[in-house]
N, C-alpha and C. Protein backbone atom coordinates (compact mmCIF):
# COMPACT_ATOMS: atom_id res chain seq x y z
N MET A 1 176.48 37.71 -13.92
CA MET A 1 175.59 36.94 -13.09
C MET A 1 174.48 36.37 -13.96
N PRO A 2 174.18 35.09 -13.83
CA PRO A 2 173.15 34.48 -14.67
C PRO A 2 171.78 35.12 -14.44
N LYS A 3 171.03 35.14 -15.51
CA LYS A 3 169.67 35.64 -15.48
C LYS A 3 168.74 34.44 -15.31
N ALA A 4 167.68 34.58 -14.51
CA ALA A 4 166.72 33.49 -14.29
C ALA A 4 165.38 33.87 -14.90
N VAL A 5 164.79 32.92 -15.62
CA VAL A 5 163.48 33.13 -16.23
C VAL A 5 162.62 31.89 -16.02
N SER A 6 161.32 32.06 -16.08
CA SER A 6 160.42 30.91 -15.98
C SER A 6 160.43 30.16 -17.31
N SER A 7 159.99 28.92 -17.28
CA SER A 7 159.94 28.13 -18.52
C SER A 7 158.98 28.76 -19.52
N ASN A 8 157.89 29.35 -19.05
CA ASN A 8 156.95 30.02 -19.96
C ASN A 8 157.60 31.23 -20.61
N GLU A 9 158.33 32.01 -19.82
CA GLU A 9 159.04 33.17 -20.37
C GLU A 9 160.09 32.72 -21.38
N ALA A 10 160.78 31.64 -21.07
CA ALA A 10 161.79 31.12 -22.00
C ALA A 10 161.14 30.73 -23.32
N LYS A 11 160.00 30.10 -23.24
CA LYS A 11 159.29 29.67 -24.46
C LYS A 11 158.85 30.89 -25.27
N GLN A 12 158.33 31.90 -24.59
CA GLN A 12 157.81 33.08 -25.28
C GLN A 12 158.91 33.97 -25.84
N HIS A 13 160.06 34.00 -25.19
CA HIS A 13 161.13 34.93 -25.57
C HIS A 13 162.42 34.21 -25.96
N TRP A 14 162.28 33.05 -26.57
CA TRP A 14 163.42 32.21 -26.90
C TRP A 14 164.50 32.97 -27.67
N ARG A 15 164.11 33.63 -28.75
CA ARG A 15 165.10 34.32 -29.59
C ARG A 15 165.81 35.43 -28.83
N SER A 16 165.07 36.19 -28.05
CA SER A 16 165.72 37.28 -27.32
C SER A 16 166.66 36.72 -26.24
N LEU A 17 166.32 35.58 -25.66
CA LEU A 17 167.20 34.96 -24.67
C LEU A 17 168.49 34.47 -25.34
N LEU A 18 168.36 33.90 -26.53
CA LEU A 18 169.56 33.49 -27.27
C LEU A 18 170.43 34.70 -27.58
N GLY A 19 169.80 35.80 -27.96
CA GLY A 19 170.54 37.03 -28.21
C GLY A 19 171.23 37.53 -26.95
N TYR A 20 170.55 37.45 -25.81
CA TYR A 20 171.13 37.86 -24.53
C TYR A 20 172.38 37.03 -24.22
N VAL A 21 172.25 35.72 -24.40
CA VAL A 21 173.38 34.83 -24.11
C VAL A 21 174.56 35.17 -25.01
N ASN A 22 174.29 35.36 -26.30
CA ASN A 22 175.38 35.67 -27.24
C ASN A 22 175.98 37.05 -26.99
N GLU A 23 175.14 38.02 -26.66
CA GLU A 23 175.63 39.38 -26.47
C GLU A 23 176.39 39.56 -25.15
N HIS A 24 175.87 38.97 -24.08
CA HIS A 24 176.46 39.17 -22.76
C HIS A 24 177.43 38.05 -22.36
N GLY A 25 177.39 36.94 -23.06
CA GLY A 25 178.25 35.81 -22.70
C GLY A 25 177.88 35.21 -21.36
N ASP A 26 176.66 35.44 -20.94
CA ASP A 26 176.19 34.97 -19.65
C ASP A 26 175.15 33.87 -19.85
N GLU A 27 174.87 33.13 -18.81
CA GLU A 27 173.91 32.05 -18.89
C GLU A 27 172.52 32.54 -18.48
N VAL A 28 171.51 31.79 -18.93
CA VAL A 28 170.13 32.03 -18.51
C VAL A 28 169.65 30.74 -17.86
N ILE A 29 169.21 30.85 -16.62
CA ILE A 29 168.68 29.69 -15.90
C ILE A 29 167.18 29.64 -16.13
N VAL A 30 166.70 28.51 -16.59
CA VAL A 30 165.27 28.33 -16.84
C VAL A 30 164.69 27.59 -15.66
N GLU A 31 163.66 28.21 -15.06
CA GLU A 31 163.03 27.63 -13.87
C GLU A 31 161.63 27.12 -14.20
N HIS A 32 161.26 26.05 -13.56
CA HIS A 32 159.91 25.49 -13.68
C HIS A 32 159.34 25.40 -12.27
N HIS A 33 158.27 26.12 -12.03
CA HIS A 33 157.68 26.22 -10.69
C HIS A 33 158.73 26.69 -9.67
N GLY A 34 159.55 27.64 -10.10
CA GLY A 34 160.53 28.24 -9.21
C GLY A 34 161.79 27.42 -8.97
N ARG A 35 161.88 26.27 -9.61
CA ARG A 35 163.07 25.41 -9.43
C ARG A 35 163.89 25.40 -10.71
N PRO A 36 165.21 25.60 -10.61
CA PRO A 36 166.07 25.56 -11.80
C PRO A 36 166.00 24.19 -12.47
N THR A 37 165.76 24.19 -13.79
CA THR A 37 165.67 22.92 -14.51
C THR A 37 166.61 22.84 -15.71
N ALA A 38 167.02 23.98 -16.24
CA ALA A 38 167.90 23.98 -17.42
C ALA A 38 168.68 25.27 -17.47
N VAL A 39 169.71 25.27 -18.30
CA VAL A 39 170.53 26.47 -18.49
C VAL A 39 170.73 26.68 -19.99
N ILE A 40 170.57 27.91 -20.41
CA ILE A 40 170.89 28.29 -21.78
C ILE A 40 172.25 28.98 -21.70
N MET A 41 173.21 28.46 -22.46
CA MET A 41 174.56 29.03 -22.44
C MET A 41 175.12 29.05 -23.85
N SER A 42 176.15 29.81 -24.03
CA SER A 42 176.81 29.85 -25.34
C SER A 42 177.46 28.50 -25.61
N TYR A 43 177.68 28.25 -26.89
CA TYR A 43 178.32 26.99 -27.24
C TYR A 43 179.75 26.94 -26.71
N ALA A 44 180.43 28.08 -26.70
CA ALA A 44 181.80 28.12 -26.17
C ALA A 44 181.81 27.74 -24.69
N ALA A 45 180.82 28.24 -23.92
CA ALA A 45 180.74 27.88 -22.50
C ALA A 45 180.44 26.40 -22.34
N TYR A 46 179.58 25.88 -23.20
CA TYR A 46 179.26 24.45 -23.17
C TYR A 46 180.51 23.62 -23.42
N GLU A 47 181.32 24.03 -24.40
CA GLU A 47 182.55 23.30 -24.70
C GLU A 47 183.50 23.32 -23.50
N GLU A 48 183.56 24.46 -22.79
CA GLU A 48 184.39 24.54 -21.58
C GLU A 48 183.90 23.55 -20.53
N VAL A 49 182.59 23.48 -20.34
CA VAL A 49 182.02 22.54 -19.37
C VAL A 49 182.36 21.11 -19.77
N GLN A 50 182.23 20.80 -21.05
CA GLN A 50 182.55 19.45 -21.52
C GLN A 50 184.02 19.13 -21.29
N THR A 51 184.89 20.08 -21.54
CA THR A 51 186.33 19.88 -21.32
C THR A 51 186.61 19.61 -19.85
N LEU A 52 185.99 20.40 -18.96
CA LEU A 52 186.17 20.19 -17.52
C LEU A 52 185.63 18.83 -17.09
N ARG A 53 184.48 18.44 -17.63
CA ARG A 53 183.93 17.12 -17.30
C ARG A 53 184.89 16.01 -17.71
N GLU A 54 185.46 16.14 -18.90
CA GLU A 54 186.38 15.12 -19.39
C GLU A 54 187.65 15.10 -18.53
N GLN A 55 188.15 16.26 -18.15
CA GLN A 55 189.32 16.32 -17.28
C GLN A 55 189.03 15.66 -15.94
N ASN A 56 187.86 15.92 -15.37
CA ASN A 56 187.47 15.30 -14.10
C ASN A 56 187.32 13.79 -14.24
N ARG A 57 186.72 13.36 -15.37
CA ARG A 57 186.56 11.92 -15.59
C ARG A 57 187.92 11.24 -15.69
N ARG A 58 188.83 11.85 -16.43
CA ARG A 58 190.16 11.26 -16.58
C ARG A 58 190.92 11.25 -15.26
N ALA A 59 190.80 12.33 -14.49
CA ALA A 59 191.47 12.38 -13.18
C ALA A 59 190.91 11.30 -12.26
N SER A 60 189.61 11.09 -12.30
CA SER A 60 188.99 10.06 -11.47
C SER A 60 189.46 8.66 -11.88
N VAL A 61 189.50 8.41 -13.18
CA VAL A 61 189.96 7.11 -13.66
C VAL A 61 191.42 6.89 -13.30
N LEU A 62 192.23 7.92 -13.48
CA LEU A 62 193.66 7.81 -13.15
C LEU A 62 193.84 7.53 -11.66
N SER A 63 193.07 8.21 -10.82
CA SER A 63 193.14 7.99 -9.39
C SER A 63 192.76 6.55 -9.04
N ARG A 64 191.70 6.05 -9.66
CA ARG A 64 191.28 4.66 -9.40
C ARG A 64 192.33 3.68 -9.88
N LEU A 65 192.94 3.95 -11.02
CA LEU A 65 193.99 3.06 -11.53
C LEU A 65 195.22 3.07 -10.62
N ARG A 66 195.57 4.25 -10.12
CA ARG A 66 196.71 4.32 -9.20
C ARG A 66 196.42 3.57 -7.91
N SER A 67 195.20 3.68 -7.42
CA SER A 67 194.80 2.95 -6.23
C SER A 67 194.87 1.45 -6.48
N LEU A 68 194.39 1.05 -7.64
CA LEU A 68 194.45 -0.37 -8.01
C LEU A 68 195.90 -0.83 -8.13
N GLU A 69 196.73 0.01 -8.73
CA GLU A 69 198.15 -0.31 -8.88
C GLU A 69 198.80 -0.51 -7.51
N ASP A 70 198.50 0.37 -6.58
CA ASP A 70 199.07 0.26 -5.23
C ASP A 70 198.61 -1.04 -4.56
N ARG A 71 197.30 -1.31 -4.68
CA ARG A 71 196.76 -2.51 -4.03
C ARG A 71 197.34 -3.79 -4.65
N LEU A 72 197.40 -3.81 -5.99
CA LEU A 72 197.93 -5.00 -6.65
C LEU A 72 199.44 -5.13 -6.48
N GLY A 73 200.10 -3.98 -6.37
CA GLY A 73 201.55 -4.02 -6.18
C GLY A 73 201.94 -4.72 -4.91
N THR A 74 201.16 -4.53 -3.87
CA THR A 74 201.46 -5.21 -2.61
C THR A 74 201.10 -6.69 -2.67
N GLN A 75 200.12 -7.01 -3.51
CA GLN A 75 199.70 -8.42 -3.62
C GLN A 75 200.63 -9.24 -4.50
N ASN A 76 201.30 -8.57 -5.42
CA ASN A 76 202.08 -9.30 -6.43
C ASN A 76 203.57 -9.01 -6.36
N ARG A 77 204.09 -8.88 -5.17
CA ARG A 77 205.51 -8.59 -5.02
C ARG A 77 206.40 -9.74 -5.52
N ASP A 78 205.83 -10.94 -5.63
CA ASP A 78 206.62 -12.09 -6.05
C ASP A 78 206.79 -12.16 -7.57
N LEU A 79 206.12 -11.29 -8.34
CA LEU A 79 206.24 -11.31 -9.80
C LEU A 79 207.55 -10.63 -10.23
N THR A 80 208.12 -11.17 -11.29
CA THR A 80 209.27 -10.48 -11.89
C THR A 80 208.73 -9.28 -12.66
N GLU A 81 209.62 -8.37 -13.02
CA GLU A 81 209.18 -7.20 -13.79
C GLU A 81 208.60 -7.63 -15.13
N ALA A 82 209.19 -8.62 -15.76
CA ALA A 82 208.69 -9.10 -17.06
C ALA A 82 207.28 -9.69 -16.91
N GLU A 83 207.06 -10.45 -15.84
CA GLU A 83 205.73 -11.02 -15.60
C GLU A 83 204.70 -9.92 -15.34
N ALA A 84 205.09 -8.93 -14.58
CA ALA A 84 204.18 -7.82 -14.29
C ALA A 84 203.85 -7.05 -15.57
N MET A 85 204.84 -6.81 -16.43
CA MET A 85 204.61 -6.11 -17.69
C MET A 85 203.68 -6.92 -18.60
N GLU A 86 203.88 -8.23 -18.62
CA GLU A 86 203.03 -9.09 -19.45
C GLU A 86 201.59 -9.05 -18.95
N LEU A 87 201.39 -9.09 -17.64
CA LEU A 87 200.04 -8.99 -17.08
C LEU A 87 199.42 -7.63 -17.39
N GLY A 88 200.21 -6.57 -17.27
CA GLY A 88 199.72 -5.23 -17.58
C GLY A 88 199.32 -5.10 -19.05
N ASP A 89 200.14 -5.64 -19.94
CA ASP A 89 199.81 -5.61 -21.36
C ASP A 89 198.53 -6.39 -21.64
N ARG A 90 198.42 -7.57 -21.05
CA ARG A 90 197.23 -8.38 -21.27
C ARG A 90 195.98 -7.67 -20.75
N PHE A 91 196.08 -7.10 -19.55
CA PHE A 91 194.94 -6.39 -18.97
C PHE A 91 194.53 -5.20 -19.85
N SER A 92 195.51 -4.41 -20.29
CA SER A 92 195.16 -3.22 -21.09
C SER A 92 194.53 -3.62 -22.42
N HIS A 93 195.03 -4.68 -23.04
CA HIS A 93 194.42 -5.14 -24.30
C HIS A 93 193.00 -5.65 -24.07
N GLU A 94 192.78 -6.38 -22.98
CA GLU A 94 191.43 -6.86 -22.68
C GLU A 94 190.49 -5.69 -22.39
N LEU A 95 190.97 -4.71 -21.66
CA LEU A 95 190.16 -3.53 -21.34
C LEU A 95 189.78 -2.78 -22.61
N ILE A 96 190.75 -2.56 -23.48
CA ILE A 96 190.49 -1.85 -24.74
C ILE A 96 189.53 -2.65 -25.60
N ASP A 97 189.72 -3.94 -25.70
CA ASP A 97 188.80 -4.78 -26.48
C ASP A 97 187.38 -4.73 -25.92
N ASP A 98 187.25 -4.77 -24.59
CA ASP A 98 185.93 -4.71 -23.96
C ASP A 98 185.25 -3.37 -24.24
N LEU A 99 185.99 -2.27 -24.06
CA LEU A 99 185.41 -0.94 -24.30
C LEU A 99 185.03 -0.76 -25.76
N ALA A 100 185.86 -1.24 -26.66
CA ALA A 100 185.55 -1.14 -28.09
C ALA A 100 184.33 -2.00 -28.43
N GLY A 101 184.24 -3.19 -27.84
CA GLY A 101 183.10 -4.06 -28.08
C GLY A 101 181.79 -3.46 -27.59
N GLU A 102 181.86 -2.66 -26.53
CA GLU A 102 180.66 -1.99 -25.99
C GLU A 102 180.36 -0.70 -26.73
N GLY A 103 181.22 -0.30 -27.66
CA GLY A 103 181.02 0.94 -28.39
C GLY A 103 181.41 2.17 -27.60
N ARG A 104 182.09 1.98 -26.48
CA ARG A 104 182.49 3.11 -25.63
C ARG A 104 183.86 3.65 -26.01
N LEU A 105 184.50 2.99 -26.97
CA LEU A 105 185.82 3.41 -27.41
C LEU A 105 185.90 3.13 -28.90
N THR A 106 186.26 4.15 -29.67
CA THR A 106 186.41 3.96 -31.11
C THR A 106 187.78 4.45 -31.53
N PHE A 107 188.20 4.01 -32.68
CA PHE A 107 189.49 4.37 -33.21
C PHE A 107 189.30 5.07 -34.55
N ASP A 108 190.25 5.91 -34.92
CA ASP A 108 190.15 6.60 -36.21
C ASP A 108 189.93 5.62 -37.35
N ARG A 109 190.55 4.48 -37.27
CA ARG A 109 190.42 3.51 -38.36
C ARG A 109 188.99 2.97 -38.49
N ASP A 110 188.19 3.10 -37.41
CA ASP A 110 186.82 2.59 -37.42
C ASP A 110 185.85 3.57 -38.10
N TRP A 111 186.26 4.79 -38.30
CA TRP A 111 185.38 5.79 -38.89
C TRP A 111 185.52 5.75 -40.42
N GLN A 112 184.40 5.67 -41.08
CA GLN A 112 184.43 5.72 -42.54
C GLN A 112 184.46 7.17 -42.97
N ARG A 113 185.33 7.46 -43.86
CA ARG A 113 185.45 8.87 -44.31
C ARG A 113 184.85 9.05 -45.66
């Protein structure tokens, strides 16, 4: 069960709180005026949270894409399969180019080693 401390206590006992988190594998909730404002957690727990966030983000995007696919599929029944594939390829390339241009998507080749 997470331990709750005031922000002043967290400031005064920072090292011991880090030791508590590492030793017990539990989180410490930092409160300011009685309201939770931050959490001190192990790096492993943080990585788990980040993984779950990414999984949720991907599931949300996939759901939106499937919804879009369903909606567009009914609108474009007159397209041949080749025309639909060409539109899909064009859209995906434009999307990737836009995301890369905004810096929201990078490729291994873009990283200098």
